[in-house]
Amino acid sequence: MKWLQRFLLLVGGTAGLILVVSVMYFLLFIFGNVDFSQSYRNIKNYEGITFTNTYKHKAYKRTFWGLQEVAYQGVSVDRSEIDQSSSAYELVRQKAGEHARITCCTPSPDGNYVLYAEAISISNGASTDDDHIYYRVLNLQDGSVTTIYDGAYKCFWVTWQ
């Protein structure tokens, strides 16, 4: 009978731990900028990419843990519209498809990559405008696309210096 009590305590403790860890991860996902993928490290000069939240006046850089806050320098570009006539935008449009919703697009300083954000609606026709945003880099040498960060409701203006 003691073995049964120990077993139930072990199972209950494990389930409780799993629940706590799951809730913590969910809260970090919603309220933080956590992302453990490491594929962005294959991109040259990824350190020059800045994610800017102009509404909160905060800026972030990509790190192992996700996005880490850095000094906010402001945004010196007019972000109201994307230059749809640029060659970078045309390359992204060809790769992502005509129906993709590209929210920002900028070439890398060396001209070998194009950084862009693609918004995909998760509201499924509801009256809200909920989007999952994918921040991707198009490699112009081989045509590969690498997602460097993504998240629901994670709207940033991205620049590459």
C-alpha atoms as a PDB file:
ATOM      1  CA  MET A   1       0.000   0.000   0.000  1.00  0.00           C
ATOM      2  CA  LYS A   2       2.920   2.359   0.713  1.00  0.00           C
ATOM      3  CA  TRP A   3       4.190   1.836  -2.810  1.00  0.00           C
ATOM      4  CA  LEU A   4       0.834   3.047  -4.138  1.00  0.00           C
ATOM      5  CA  GLN A   5       1.011   6.208  -2.032  1.00  0.00           C
ATOM      6  CA  ARG A   6       4.558   6.890  -3.237  1.00  0.00           C
ATOM      7  CA  PHE A   7       3.540   6.258  -6.834  1.00  0.00           C
ATOM      8  CA  LEU A   8       0.551   8.652  -6.605  1.00  0.00           C
ATOM      9  CA  LEU A   9       2.738  11.293  -4.937  1.00  0.00           C
ATOM     10  CA  LEU A  10       5.317  10.918  -7.695  1.00  0.00           C
ATOM     11  CA  VAL A  11       2.712  11.109 -10.483  1.00  0.00           C
ATOM     12  CA  GLY A  12       0.916  14.030  -8.836  1.00  0.00           C
ATOM     13  CA  GLY A  13       4.180  15.881  -8.288  1.00  0.00           C
ATOM     14  CA  THR A  14       5.259  15.321 -11.876  1.00  0.00           C
ATOM     15  CA  ALA A  15       1.902  16.458 -13.246  1.00  0.00           C
ATOM     16  CA  GLY A  16       2.020  19.532 -11.034  1.00  0.00           C
ATOM     17  CA  LEU A  17       5.521  20.364 -12.205  1.00  0.00           C
ATOM     18  CA  ILE A  18       4.518  19.935 -15.846  1.00  0.00           C
ATOM     19  CA  LEU A  19       1.518  22.196 -15.293  1.00  0.00           C
ATOM     20  CA  VAL A  20       3.620  24.914 -13.641  1.00  0.00           C
ATOM     21  CA  VAL A  21       6.272  24.790 -16.388  1.00  0.00           C
ATOM     22  CA  SER A  22       3.581  24.899 -19.094  1.00  0.00           C
ATOM     23  CA  VAL A  23       1.885  27.926 -17.535  1.00  0.00           C
ATOM     24  CA  MET A  24       5.228  29.720 -17.151  1.00  0.00           C
ATOM     25  CA  TYR A  25       6.152  29.048 -20.787  1.00  0.00           C
ATOM     26  CA  PHE A  26       2.727  30.262 -21.955  1.00  0.00           C
ATOM     27  CA  LEU A  27       3.068  33.497 -19.968  1.00  0.00           C
ATOM     28  CA  LEU A  28       6.581  34.074 -21.336  1.00  0.00           C
ATOM     29  CA  PHE A  29       5.311  33.437 -24.861  1.00  0.00           C
ATOM     30  CA  ILE A  30       2.415  35.894 -24.551  1.00  0.00           C
ATOM     31  CA  PHE A  31       4.047  38.633 -22.470  1.00  0.00           C
ATOM     32  CA  GLY A  32       7.693  38.136 -23.378  1.00  0.00           C
ATOM     33  CA  ASN A  33       9.723  37.662 -26.507  1.00  0.00           C
ATOM     34  CA  VAL A  34      10.953  34.096 -25.974  1.00  0.00           C
ATOM     35  CA  ASP A  35      12.141  32.001 -28.916  1.00  0.00           C
ATOM     36  CA  PHE A  36      14.718  29.226 -28.590  1.00  0.00           C
ATOM     37  CA  SER A  37      15.278  28.482 -32.287  1.00  0.00           C
ATOM     38  CA  GLN A  38      18.860  28.981 -33.424  1.00  0.00           C
ATOM     39  CA  SER A  39      18.492  29.031 -37.218  1.00  0.00           C
ATOM     40  CA  TYR A  40      19.138  32.783 -37.324  1.00  0.00           C
ATOM     41  CA  ARG A  41      22.804  32.162 -36.477  1.00  0.00           C
ATOM     42  CA  ASN A  42      23.445  31.044 -40.068  1.00  0.00           C
ATOM     43  CA  ILE A  43      22.763  34.577 -41.321  1.00  0.00           C
ATOM     44  CA  LYS A  44      25.783  36.857 -41.629  1.00  0.00           C
ATOM     45  CA  ASN A  45      25.512  40.075 -39.576  1.00  0.00           C
ATOM     46  CA  TYR A  46      22.292  39.033 -37.813  1.00  0.00           C
ATOM     47  CA  GLU A  47      23.553  41.174 -34.922  1.00  0.00           C
ATOM     48  CA  GLY A  48      22.739  44.253 -37.018  1.00  0.00           C
ATOM     49  CA  ILE A  49      19.013  43.468 -37.083  1.00  0.00           C
ATOM     50  CA  THR A  50      16.920  45.622 -34.744  1.00  0.00           C
ATOM     51  CA  PHE A  51      13.284  44.956 -33.873  1.00  0.00           C
ATOM     52  CA  THR A  52      11.574  48.208 -32.866  1.00  0.00           C
ATOM     53  CA  ASN A  53       8.231  48.610 -31.137  1.00  0.00           C
ATOM     54  CA  THR A  54       7.443  52.232 -31.912  1.00  0.00           C
ATOM     55  CA  TYR A  55       4.332  52.282 -29.729  1.00  0.00           C
ATOM     56  CA  LYS A  56       6.209  51.255 -26.583  1.00  0.00           C
ATOM     57  CA  HIS A  57       9.425  53.066 -27.636  1.00  0.00           C
ATOM     58  CA  LYS A  58      11.496  49.917 -27.169  1.00  0.00           C
ATOM     59  CA  ALA A  59      14.067  48.186 -29.341  1.00  0.00           C
ATOM     60  CA  TYR A  60      15.291  44.583 -29.294  1.00  0.00           C
ATOM     61  CA  LYS A  61      18.083  42.418 -30.692  1.00  0.00           C
ATOM     62  CA  ARG A  62      17.895  38.676 -31.400  1.00  0.00           C
ATOM     63  CA  THR A  63      19.645  36.511 -28.808  1.00  0.00           C
ATOM     64  CA  PHE A  64      19.615  32.871 -27.715  1.00  0.00           C
ATOM     65  CA  TRP A  65      16.628  33.513 -25.407  1.00  0.00           C
ATOM     66  CA  GLY A  66      14.598  35.429 -27.981  1.00  0.00           C
ATOM     67  CA  LEU A  67      14.541  39.195 -28.155  1.00  0.00           C
ATOM     68  CA  GLN A  68      16.570  41.186 -25.647  1.00  0.00           C
ATOM     69  CA  GLU A  69      15.841  44.861 -25.034  1.00  0.00           C
ATOM     70  CA  VAL A  70      18.499  47.346 -26.155  1.00  0.00           C
ATOM     71  CA  ALA A  71      18.692  51.146 -26.181  1.00  0.00           C
ATOM     72  CA  TYR A  72      15.867  52.713 -28.171  1.00  0.00           C
ATOM     73  CA  GLN A  73      17.209  55.081 -30.835  1.00  0.00           C
ATOM     74  CA  GLY A  74      13.880  55.986 -32.380  1.00  0.00           C
ATOM     75  CA  VAL A  75      12.837  55.270 -35.937  1.00  0.00           C
ATOM     76  CA  SER A  76      14.203  57.545 -38.638  1.00  0.00           C
ATOM     77  CA  VAL A  77      12.214  56.066 -41.519  1.00  0.00           C
ATOM     78  CA  ASP A  78       8.644  56.668 -42.595  1.00  0.00           C
ATOM     79  CA  ARG A  79       7.076  53.313 -41.858  1.00  0.00           C
ATOM     80  CA  SER A  80       3.621  54.195 -43.111  1.00  0.00           C
ATOM     81  CA  GLU A  81       4.198  52.449 -46.437  1.00  0.00           C
ATOM     82  CA  ILE A  82       6.596  49.947 -47.946  1.00  0.00           C
ATOM     83  CA  ASP A  83       8.323  50.914 -51.174  1.00  0.00           C
ATOM     84  CA  GLN A  84       6.602  48.343 -53.360  1.00  0.00           C
ATOM     85  CA  SER A  85       8.663  49.366 -56.367  1.00  0.00           C
ATOM     86  CA  SER A  86      11.971  48.373 -54.742  1.00  0.00           C
ATOM     87  CA  SER A  87      13.833  45.362 -56.085  1.00  0.00           C
ATOM     88  CA  ALA A  88      14.017  43.860 -52.558  1.00  0.00           C
ATOM     89  CA  TYR A  89      10.241  43.985 -52.239  1.00  0.00           C
ATOM     90  CA  GLU A  90       9.815  42.388 -55.667  1.00  0.00           C
ATOM     91  CA  LEU A  91      12.140  39.516 -54.738  1.00  0.00           C
ATOM     92  CA  VAL A  92      10.242  38.905 -51.494  1.00  0.00           C
ATOM     93  CA  ARG A  93       6.893  39.063 -53.291  1.00  0.00           C
ATOM     94  CA  GLN A  94       8.083  36.461 -55.824  1.00  0.00           C
ATOM     95  CA  LYS A  95       9.295  34.125 -53.072  1.00  0.00           C
ATOM     96  CA  ALA A  96       6.409  34.585 -50.613  1.00  0.00           C
ATOM     97  CA  GLY A  97       3.650  34.697 -53.220  1.00  0.00           C
ATOM     98  CA  GLU A  98       1.176  37.284 -54.441  1.00  0.00           C
ATOM     99  CA  HIS A  99      -1.235  36.795 -51.532  1.00  0.00           C
ATOM    100  CA  ALA A 100       1.376  37.182 -48.786  1.00  0.00           C
ATOM    101  CA  ARG A 101       0.918  40.223 -46.542  1.00  0.00           C
ATOM    102  CA  ILE A 102       4.390  41.779 -46.307  1.00  0.00           C
ATOM    103  CA  THR A 103       4.471  44.398 -43.537  1.00  0.00           C
ATOM    104  CA  CYS A 104       8.087  45.580 -43.871  1.00  0.00           C
ATOM    105  CA  CYS A 105      11.055  44.820 -46.073  1.00  0.00           C
ATOM    106  CA  THR A 106      14.716  45.893 -45.983  1.00  0.00           C
ATOM    107  CA  PRO A 107      17.907  44.647 -47.662  1.00  0.00           C
ATOM    108  CA  SER A 108      20.974  43.668 -45.651  1.00  0.00           C
ATOM    109  CA  PRO A 109      23.926  46.094 -45.655  1.00  0.00           C
ATOM    110  CA  ASP A 110      25.961  43.736 -47.874  1.00  0.00           C
ATOM    111  CA  GLY A 111      23.056  43.169 -50.295  1.00  0.00           C
ATOM    112  CA  ASN A 112      23.084  39.367 -49.912  1.00  0.00           C
ATOM    113  CA  TYR A 113      19.867  39.103 -47.889  1.00  0.00           C
ATOM    114  CA  VAL A 114      16.435  40.689 -47.631  1.00  0.00           C
ATOM    115  CA  LEU A 115      14.776  40.941 -44.225  1.00  0.00           C
ATOM    116  CA  TYR A 116      10.983  41.052 -44.258  1.00  0.00           C
ATOM    117  CA  ALA A 117       7.966  40.535 -42.050  1.00  0.00           C
ATOM    118  CA  GLU A 118       5.022  38.460 -43.199  1.00  0.00           C
ATOM    119  CA  ALA A 119       1.704  38.669 -41.369  1.00  0.00           C
ATOM    120  CA  ILE A 120      -0.647  35.692 -41.372  1.00  0.00           C
ATOM    121  CA  SER A 121      -4.134  36.169 -39.973  1.00  0.00           C
ATOM    122  CA  ILE A 122      -5.074  33.858 -37.104  1.00  0.00           C
ATOM    123  CA  SER A 123      -8.526  35.349 -36.564  1.00  0.00           C
ATOM    124  CA  ASN A 124     -10.122  33.080 -39.210  1.00  0.00           C
ATOM    125  CA  GLY A 125     -12.584  35.697 -40.371  1.00  0.00           C
ATOM    126  CA  ALA A 126     -13.456  37.047 -36.921  1.00  0.00           C
ATOM    127  CA  SER A 127     -13.874  40.771 -36.407  1.00  0.00           C
ATOM    128  CA  THR A 128     -10.456  41.063 -34.736  1.00  0.00           C
ATOM    129  CA  ASP A 129      -7.249  41.653 -36.636  1.00  0.00           C
ATOM    130  CA  ASP A 130      -5.116  39.078 -34.860  1.00  0.00           C
ATOM    131  CA  ASP A 131      -1.949  38.235 -36.752  1.00  0.00           C
ATOM    132  CA  HIS A 132       0.963  35.884 -36.342  1.00  0.00           C
ATOM    133  CA  ILE A 133       4.038  37.716 -37.623  1.00  0.00           C
ATOM    134  CA  TYR A 134       7.003  35.883 -39.148  1.00  0.00           C
ATOM    135  CA  TYR A 135      10.274  37.808 -39.463  1.00  0.00           C
ATOM    136  CA  ARG A 136      12.186  36.130 -42.253  1.00  0.00           C
ATOM    137  CA  VAL A 137      15.415  36.533 -44.164  1.00  0.00           C
ATOM    138  CA  LEU A 138      15.616  35.677 -47.853  1.00  0.00           C
ATOM    139  CA  ASN A 139      19.090  34.592 -48.946  1.00  0.00           C
ATOM    140  CA  LEU A 140      19.588  36.048 -52.419  1.00  0.00           C
ATOM    141  CA  GLN A 141      22.462  33.649 -53.195  1.00  0.00           C
ATOM    142  CA  ASP A 142      20.567  30.364 -52.849  1.00  0.00           C
ATOM    143  CA  GLY A 143      16.911  31.449 -52.471  1.00  0.00           C
ATOM    144  CA  SER A 144      16.521  29.938 -48.988  1.00  0.00           C
ATOM    145  CA  VAL A 145      14.293  31.566 -46.385  1.00  0.00           C
ATOM    146  CA  THR A 146      15.125  31.537 -42.667  1.00  0.00           C
ATOM    147  CA  THR A 147      12.644  32.583 -39.992  1.00  0.00           C
ATOM    148  CA  ILE A 148      14.596  34.571 -37.419  1.00  0.00           C
ATOM    149  CA  TYR A 149      11.691  35.321 -35.080  1.00  0.00           C
ATOM    150  CA  ASP A 150       7.937  34.852 -34.994  1.00  0.00           C
ATOM    151  CA  GLY A 151       5.066  35.355 -32.640  1.00  0.00           C
ATOM    152  CA  ALA A 152       1.412  36.195 -32.332  1.00  0.00           C
ATOM    153  CA  TYR A 153       0.792  39.916 -31.808  1.00  0.00           C
ATOM    154  CA  LYS A 154       4.529  40.621 -32.135  1.00  0.00           C
ATOM    155  CA  CYS A 155       4.475  43.671 -34.402  1.00  0.00           C
ATOM    156  CA  PHE A 156       7.894  45.254 -34.835  1.00  0.00           C
ATOM    157  CA  TRP A 157       9.471  47.537 -37.388  1.00  0.00           C
ATOM    158  CA  VAL A 158      12.714  45.840 -38.448  1.00  0.00           C
ATOM    159  CA  THR A 159      15.885  47.507 -39.647  1.00  0.00           C
ATOM    160  CA  TRP A 160      19.258  46.090 -40.627  1.00  0.00           C
ATOM    161  CA  GLN A 161      22.460  48.067 -40.125  1.00  0.00           C
END
